[in-house]
């Protein structure tokens, strides 16, 4: 998951997902605002990442926006939240 580490709302969501993940490592959190963020490594520019929520999957595909949250919530046992809409 790419997120903005300077955004309080983003950080609250990341904190919740980290707690739910409980150290299982199902989600890798990458701070776009970190000085060491690498566009080359992740294939998403800073500006592109700031415009939309991105989840980068192991197969190289991306999920964006609501689909990104659906993937994240499924990983931490909250899939019912995104399927209720």
C-alpha atoms as a PDB file:
ATOM      1  CA  UNK A   1       0.000   0.000   0.000  1.00  0.00           C
ATOM      2  CA  UNK A   2       1.310   3.405  -0.969  1.00  0.00           C
ATOM      3  CA  UNK A   3       0.243   6.144   1.417  1.00  0.00           C
ATOM      4  CA  UNK A   4       1.018   9.732   2.388  1.00  0.00           C
ATOM      5  CA  UNK A   5       2.889   9.688   5.680  1.00  0.00           C
ATOM      6  CA  UNK A   6       2.287  13.435   6.060  1.00  0.00           C
ATOM      7  CA  UNK A   7      -1.507  13.016   5.981  1.00  0.00           C
ATOM      8  CA  UNK A   8      -3.134  12.456   9.403  1.00  0.00           C
ATOM      9  CA  UNK A   9      -6.136  10.666   7.876  1.00  0.00           C
ATOM     10  CA  UNK A  10      -3.907   8.348   5.832  1.00  0.00           C
ATOM     11  CA  UNK A  11      -1.818   7.585   8.905  1.00  0.00           C
ATOM     12  CA  UNK A  12      -4.909   6.695  10.937  1.00  0.00           C
ATOM     13  CA  UNK A  13      -5.985   4.235   8.251  1.00  0.00           C
ATOM     14  CA  UNK A  14      -2.480   2.743   8.050  1.00  0.00           C
ATOM     15  CA  UNK A  15      -2.333   2.428  11.853  1.00  0.00           C
ATOM     16  CA  UNK A  16      -5.654   0.558  11.855  1.00  0.00           C
ATOM     17  CA  UNK A  17      -4.511  -1.763   9.071  1.00  0.00           C
ATOM     18  CA  UNK A  18      -1.200  -2.428  10.868  1.00  0.00           C
ATOM     19  CA  UNK A  19      -3.023  -3.327  14.068  1.00  0.00           C
ATOM     20  CA  UNK A  20      -5.365  -5.642  12.176  1.00  0.00           C
ATOM     21  CA  UNK A  21      -2.427  -7.224  10.336  1.00  0.00           C
ATOM     22  CA  UNK A  22      -0.904  -7.936  13.777  1.00  0.00           C
ATOM     23  CA  UNK A  23       2.635  -8.355  12.474  1.00  0.00           C
ATOM     24  CA  UNK A  24       1.699 -11.022   9.900  1.00  0.00           C
ATOM     25  CA  UNK A  25       3.209  -8.954   7.090  1.00  0.00           C
ATOM     26  CA  UNK A  26       0.294  -9.359   4.690  1.00  0.00           C
ATOM     27  CA  UNK A  27       0.537  -5.688   3.781  1.00  0.00           C
ATOM     28  CA  UNK A  28       3.707  -3.736   3.048  1.00  0.00           C
ATOM     29  CA  UNK A  29       3.233  -0.049   3.826  1.00  0.00           C
ATOM     30  CA  UNK A  30       5.222   2.381   1.690  1.00  0.00           C
ATOM     31  CA  UNK A  31       5.279   6.066   2.608  1.00  0.00           C
ATOM     32  CA  UNK A  32       5.297   8.216  -0.514  1.00  0.00           C
ATOM     33  CA  UNK A  33       6.388  11.206   1.556  1.00  0.00           C
ATOM     34  CA  UNK A  34       9.488   9.468   2.943  1.00  0.00           C
ATOM     35  CA  UNK A  35      12.781  10.883   1.660  1.00  0.00           C
ATOM     36  CA  UNK A  36      13.857   7.428   0.506  1.00  0.00           C
ATOM     37  CA  UNK A  37      10.681   6.683  -1.507  1.00  0.00           C
ATOM     38  CA  UNK A  38      11.747   5.226  -4.853  1.00  0.00           C
ATOM     39  CA  UNK A  39       9.560   5.787  -7.893  1.00  0.00           C
ATOM     40  CA  UNK A  40      11.774   3.359  -9.819  1.00  0.00           C
ATOM     41  CA  UNK A  41      11.277   0.614  -7.247  1.00  0.00           C
ATOM     42  CA  UNK A  42       7.500   0.965  -7.057  1.00  0.00           C
ATOM     43  CA  UNK A  43       6.629   2.177 -10.551  1.00  0.00           C
ATOM     44  CA  UNK A  44       4.423   4.984  -9.250  1.00  0.00           C
ATOM     45  CA  UNK A  45       5.480   8.627  -9.222  1.00  0.00           C
ATOM     46  CA  UNK A  46       5.027  10.724  -6.111  1.00  0.00           C
ATOM     47  CA  UNK A  47       2.340  12.829  -7.831  1.00  0.00           C
ATOM     48  CA  UNK A  48       0.519   9.793  -9.207  1.00  0.00           C
ATOM     49  CA  UNK A  49       0.566   8.170  -5.781  1.00  0.00           C
ATOM     50  CA  UNK A  50      -0.778  11.288  -4.121  1.00  0.00           C
ATOM     51  CA  UNK A  51      -3.711  11.502  -6.530  1.00  0.00           C
ATOM     52  CA  UNK A  52      -5.123   8.032  -5.820  1.00  0.00           C
ATOM     53  CA  UNK A  53      -4.777   5.194  -3.333  1.00  0.00           C
ATOM     54  CA  UNK A  54      -2.546   2.472  -4.788  1.00  0.00           C
ATOM     55  CA  UNK A  55      -2.123  -1.154  -3.803  1.00  0.00           C
ATOM     56  CA  UNK A  56       0.634  -2.926  -5.706  1.00  0.00           C
ATOM     57  CA  UNK A  57       0.056  -6.677  -5.871  1.00  0.00           C
ATOM     58  CA  UNK A  58       2.772  -9.348  -5.959  1.00  0.00           C
ATOM     59  CA  UNK A  59       1.941 -10.172  -9.593  1.00  0.00           C
ATOM     60  CA  UNK A  60       2.755  -6.576 -10.590  1.00  0.00           C
ATOM     61  CA  UNK A  61      -0.836  -5.449 -11.022  1.00  0.00           C
ATOM     62  CA  UNK A  62      -2.355  -2.461  -9.258  1.00  0.00           C
ATOM     63  CA  UNK A  63      -5.607  -1.825  -7.496  1.00  0.00           C
ATOM     64  CA  UNK A  64      -6.738   1.779  -7.198  1.00  0.00           C
ATOM     65  CA  UNK A  65      -9.200   3.728  -5.096  1.00  0.00           C
ATOM     66  CA  UNK A  66     -12.131   1.673  -3.752  1.00  0.00           C
ATOM     67  CA  UNK A  67     -10.707  -1.554  -5.219  1.00  0.00           C
ATOM     68  CA  UNK A  68      -7.484  -0.866  -3.308  1.00  0.00           C
ATOM     69  CA  UNK A  69      -9.353  -0.622  -0.018  1.00  0.00           C
ATOM     70  CA  UNK A  70     -11.287  -3.789  -0.822  1.00  0.00           C
ATOM     71  CA  UNK A  71      -7.996  -5.700  -1.202  1.00  0.00           C
ATOM     72  CA  UNK A  72      -6.551  -4.200   1.985  1.00  0.00           C
ATOM     73  CA  UNK A  73      -9.650  -4.876   4.053  1.00  0.00           C
ATOM     74  CA  UNK A  74      -9.859  -8.446   2.780  1.00  0.00           C
ATOM     75  CA  UNK A  75      -6.260  -9.028   3.866  1.00  0.00           C
ATOM     76  CA  UNK A  76      -7.022  -7.986   7.443  1.00  0.00           C
ATOM     77  CA  UNK A  77     -10.344  -9.779   7.822  1.00  0.00           C
ATOM     78  CA  UNK A  78     -12.602  -6.841   7.059  1.00  0.00           C
ATOM     79  CA  UNK A  79     -13.702  -7.911   3.592  1.00  0.00           C
ATOM     80  CA  UNK A  80     -17.313  -7.705   4.669  1.00  0.00           C
ATOM     81  CA  UNK A  81     -16.931  -3.916   4.982  1.00  0.00           C
ATOM     82  CA  UNK A  82     -16.131  -3.403   1.324  1.00  0.00           C
ATOM     83  CA  UNK A  83     -18.627  -6.001   0.104  1.00  0.00           C
ATOM     84  CA  UNK A  84     -21.479  -4.350   2.012  1.00  0.00           C
ATOM     85  CA  UNK A  85     -21.584  -1.368  -0.328  1.00  0.00           C
END
